[in-house]
Amino acid sequence: MVYFETTIVEIGALAAEFESERMLILFGSEAPEGLKDYCYNIQAKPLEQEIKAGDQIVFDGNEYEITAIGTTANETFKQLYHMTIKFDGKKTPDLPGTMHVAAKDFPVLSVGTTIDFKENS
């Protein structure tokens, strides 16, 4: 079951710089000026339930298992739509606001890319 759906509405000029580190930063429209250039800005919508390890994040239909989620990631996402996502498959989060997902190919992201969170079926 999909419990969150959004769309990338703007891409910071330097957001793709983190691809070599297998990382991306999501932020709602309220991204601070010093961070906005590094973010994929998403449309703000309510998060229906807590994001948890074992769920899926889906970029334009491409699924990635969530392998770990930091202790403050859900709260930060609910308040600011901000989250750092690492594509490394780690089972323990590096930082409280970080989500780790399966170490698969980095997704192709553009304005209009859909991002969903769903329970693992």
C-alpha atoms as a PDB file:
ATOM      1  CA  MET A   1       0.000   0.000   0.000  1.00  0.00           C
ATOM      2  CA  VAL A   2       1.319   3.445  -0.978  1.00  0.00           C
ATOM      3  CA  TYR A   3       1.230   5.807   2.007  1.00  0.00           C
ATOM      4  CA  PHE A   4       3.029   8.842   0.546  1.00  0.00           C
ATOM      5  CA  GLU A   5       3.188  10.261  -2.968  1.00  0.00           C
ATOM      6  CA  THR A   6       5.003  13.355  -4.172  1.00  0.00           C
ATOM      7  CA  THR A   7       6.737  14.866  -7.174  1.00  0.00           C
ATOM      8  CA  ILE A   8      10.051  16.633  -7.677  1.00  0.00           C
ATOM      9  CA  VAL A   9       9.164  20.256  -8.459  1.00  0.00           C
ATOM     10  CA  GLU A  10      12.634  21.815  -8.602  1.00  0.00           C
ATOM     11  CA  ILE A  11      16.226  20.608  -8.706  1.00  0.00           C
ATOM     12  CA  GLY A  12      19.016  22.621  -7.123  1.00  0.00           C
ATOM     13  CA  ALA A  13      21.913  23.528  -9.394  1.00  0.00           C
ATOM     14  CA  LEU A  14      24.310  21.292  -7.429  1.00  0.00           C
ATOM     15  CA  ALA A  15      21.931  18.480  -6.400  1.00  0.00           C
ATOM     16  CA  ALA A  16      23.426  15.960  -8.827  1.00  0.00           C
ATOM     17  CA  GLU A  17      26.897  16.505  -7.289  1.00  0.00           C
ATOM     18  CA  PHE A  18      26.026  13.947  -4.594  1.00  0.00           C
ATOM     19  CA  GLU A  19      25.304  11.186  -7.128  1.00  0.00           C
ATOM     20  CA  SER A  20      28.974  10.126  -7.074  1.00  0.00           C
ATOM     21  CA  GLU A  21      28.536   9.613  -3.315  1.00  0.00           C
ATOM     22  CA  ARG A  22      25.335   7.620  -3.986  1.00  0.00           C
ATOM     23  CA  MET A  23      23.317  10.134  -2.014  1.00  0.00           C
ATOM     24  CA  LEU A  24      20.491  12.616  -2.564  1.00  0.00           C
ATOM     25  CA  ILE A  25      18.823  15.244  -0.421  1.00  0.00           C
ATOM     26  CA  LEU A  26      15.076  15.853  -0.468  1.00  0.00           C
ATOM     27  CA  PHE A  27      13.566  19.059   0.855  1.00  0.00           C
ATOM     28  CA  GLY A  28      10.205  20.770   0.657  1.00  0.00           C
ATOM     29  CA  SER A  29       9.844  24.291  -0.722  1.00  0.00           C
ATOM     30  CA  GLU A  30      11.166  25.774   2.536  1.00  0.00           C
ATOM     31  CA  ALA A  31      14.780  24.672   1.982  1.00  0.00           C
ATOM     32  CA  PRO A  32      17.197  27.196   3.498  1.00  0.00           C
ATOM     33  CA  GLU A  33      18.971  29.368   0.929  1.00  0.00           C
ATOM     34  CA  GLY A  34      22.387  27.822   1.656  1.00  0.00           C
ATOM     35  CA  LEU A  35      21.061  24.272   1.156  1.00  0.00           C
ATOM     36  CA  LYS A  36      18.544  24.767  -1.657  1.00  0.00           C
ATOM     37  CA  ASP A  37      21.137  24.352  -4.442  1.00  0.00           C
ATOM     38  CA  TYR A  38      21.950  20.850  -3.161  1.00  0.00           C
ATOM     39  CA  CYS A  39      18.382  19.539  -2.902  1.00  0.00           C
ATOM     40  CA  TYR A  40      15.662  17.881  -4.908  1.00  0.00           C
ATOM     41  CA  ASN A  41      12.672  19.973  -3.860  1.00  0.00           C
ATOM     42  CA  ILE A  42       9.447  18.031  -3.535  1.00  0.00           C
ATOM     43  CA  GLN A  43       5.789  18.910  -3.320  1.00  0.00           C
ATOM     44  CA  ALA A  44       4.701  19.001   0.347  1.00  0.00           C
ATOM     45  CA  LYS A  45       1.987  16.489   1.210  1.00  0.00           C
ATOM     46  CA  PRO A  46       1.028  14.819   4.503  1.00  0.00           C
ATOM     47  CA  LEU A  47       2.927  11.663   5.460  1.00  0.00           C
ATOM     48  CA  GLU A  48       0.217   9.082   6.193  1.00  0.00           C
ATOM     49  CA  GLN A  49       2.341   6.818   8.414  1.00  0.00           C
ATOM     50  CA  GLU A  50       5.870   6.347   9.733  1.00  0.00           C
ATOM     51  CA  ILE A  51       8.524   5.309   7.216  1.00  0.00           C
ATOM     52  CA  LYS A  52      10.270   2.139   8.384  1.00  0.00           C
ATOM     53  CA  ALA A  53      13.002  -0.263   7.336  1.00  0.00           C
ATOM     54  CA  GLY A  54      11.596  -2.932   5.055  1.00  0.00           C
ATOM     55  CA  ASP A  55       9.272  -0.494   3.265  1.00  0.00           C
ATOM     56  CA  GLN A  56       9.966   0.694  -0.287  1.00  0.00           C
ATOM     57  CA  ILE A  57      10.798   4.070  -1.785  1.00  0.00           C
ATOM     58  CA  VAL A  58       9.796   4.224  -5.447  1.00  0.00           C
ATOM     59  CA  PHE A  59      11.200   6.666  -8.015  1.00  0.00           C
ATOM     60  CA  ASP A  60       9.067   6.667 -11.204  1.00  0.00           C
ATOM     61  CA  GLY A  61       8.176   3.004 -10.626  1.00  0.00           C
ATOM     62  CA  ASN A  62      11.708   1.855  -9.671  1.00  0.00           C
ATOM     63  CA  GLU A  63      11.588   0.296  -6.210  1.00  0.00           C
ATOM     64  CA  TYR A  64      14.335   0.457  -3.579  1.00  0.00           C
ATOM     65  CA  GLU A  65      14.030  -1.356  -0.259  1.00  0.00           C
ATOM     66  CA  ILE A  66      14.565   0.895   2.751  1.00  0.00           C
ATOM     67  CA  THR A  67      17.291  -0.848   4.756  1.00  0.00           C
ATOM     68  CA  ALA A  68      17.606   1.629   7.673  1.00  0.00           C
ATOM     69  CA  ILE A  69      16.073   4.887   8.831  1.00  0.00           C
ATOM     70  CA  GLY A  70      17.459   7.284  11.422  1.00  0.00           C
ATOM     71  CA  THR A  71      15.706   8.126  14.663  1.00  0.00           C
ATOM     72  CA  THR A  72      14.738  11.667  13.606  1.00  0.00           C
ATOM     73  CA  ALA A  73      14.164  11.068   9.883  1.00  0.00           C
ATOM     74  CA  ASN A  74      10.383  10.669  10.117  1.00  0.00           C
ATOM     75  CA  GLU A  75       9.910  13.802  12.227  1.00  0.00           C
ATOM     76  CA  THR A  76      12.166  15.920  10.003  1.00  0.00           C
ATOM     77  CA  PHE A  77      10.374  14.647   6.917  1.00  0.00           C
ATOM     78  CA  LYS A  78       6.939  15.439   8.407  1.00  0.00           C
ATOM     79  CA  GLN A  79       8.007  18.978   9.365  1.00  0.00           C
ATOM     80  CA  LEU A  80      10.250  20.037   6.472  1.00  0.00           C
ATOM     81  CA  TYR A  81       9.996  17.246   3.873  1.00  0.00           C
ATOM     82  CA  HIS A  82      13.740  16.959   4.380  1.00  0.00           C
ATOM     83  CA  MET A  83      15.691  13.711   4.245  1.00  0.00           C
ATOM     84  CA  THR A  84      19.088  12.506   3.121  1.00  0.00           C
ATOM     85  CA  ILE A  85      18.906   9.207   1.242  1.00  0.00           C
ATOM     86  CA  LYS A  86      21.964   6.996   0.761  1.00  0.00           C
ATOM     87  CA  PHE A  87      21.974   4.177  -1.782  1.00  0.00           C
ATOM     88  CA  ASP A  88      24.372   1.911   0.126  1.00  0.00           C
ATOM     89  CA  GLY A  89      22.207  -0.802   1.719  1.00  0.00           C
ATOM     90  CA  LYS A  90      23.432  -0.134   5.266  1.00  0.00           C
ATOM     91  CA  LYS A  91      21.354  -1.708   8.034  1.00  0.00           C
ATOM     92  CA  THR A  92      22.298   0.936  10.619  1.00  0.00           C
ATOM     93  CA  PRO A  93      21.802   4.645   9.855  1.00  0.00           C
ATOM     94  CA  ASP A  94      24.885   6.899   9.698  1.00  0.00           C
ATOM     95  CA  LEU A  95      23.005   9.892  11.096  1.00  0.00           C
ATOM     96  CA  PRO A  96      19.618  10.406  12.805  1.00  0.00           C
ATOM     97  CA  GLY A  97      18.074  12.094   9.731  1.00  0.00           C
ATOM     98  CA  THR A  98      19.358   9.648   7.116  1.00  0.00           C
ATOM     99  CA  MET A  99      17.545   6.884   5.243  1.00  0.00           C
ATOM    100  CA  HIS A 100      19.521   4.045   3.671  1.00  0.00           C
ATOM    101  CA  VAL A 101      18.162   2.071   0.735  1.00  0.00           C
ATOM    102  CA  ALA A 102      19.265  -0.893  -1.349  1.00  0.00           C
ATOM    103  CA  ALA A 103      22.559  -0.391  -3.188  1.00  0.00           C
ATOM    104  CA  LYS A 104      21.061  -0.499  -6.683  1.00  0.00           C
ATOM    105  CA  ASP A 105      21.592   1.821  -9.653  1.00  0.00           C
ATOM    106  CA  PHE A 106      21.098   5.462  -8.730  1.00  0.00           C
ATOM    107  CA  PRO A 107      17.703   6.645 -10.015  1.00  0.00           C
ATOM    108  CA  VAL A 108      17.354   9.068 -12.901  1.00  0.00           C
ATOM    109  CA  LEU A 109      15.724  12.156 -11.394  1.00  0.00           C
ATOM    110  CA  SER A 110      14.145  15.158 -13.085  1.00  0.00           C
ATOM    111  CA  VAL A 111      11.410  17.704 -12.496  1.00  0.00           C
ATOM    112  CA  GLY A 112       8.223  15.640 -12.524  1.00  0.00           C
ATOM    113  CA  THR A 113       9.801  12.449 -11.142  1.00  0.00           C
ATOM    114  CA  THR A 114       7.339  10.779  -8.774  1.00  0.00           C
ATOM    115  CA  ILE A 115       8.469   9.542  -5.377  1.00  0.00           C
ATOM    116  CA  ASP A 116       6.311   7.151  -3.367  1.00  0.00           C
ATOM    117  CA  PHE A 117       6.694   5.361  -0.060  1.00  0.00           C
ATOM    118  CA  LYS A 118       4.892   2.056   0.230  1.00  0.00           C
ATOM    119  CA  GLU A 119       4.681  -0.912   2.522  1.00  0.00           C
ATOM    120  CA  ASN A 120       6.632  -3.927   1.387  1.00  0.00           C
ATOM    121  CA  SER A 121       4.190  -6.360  -0.215  1.00  0.00           C
END
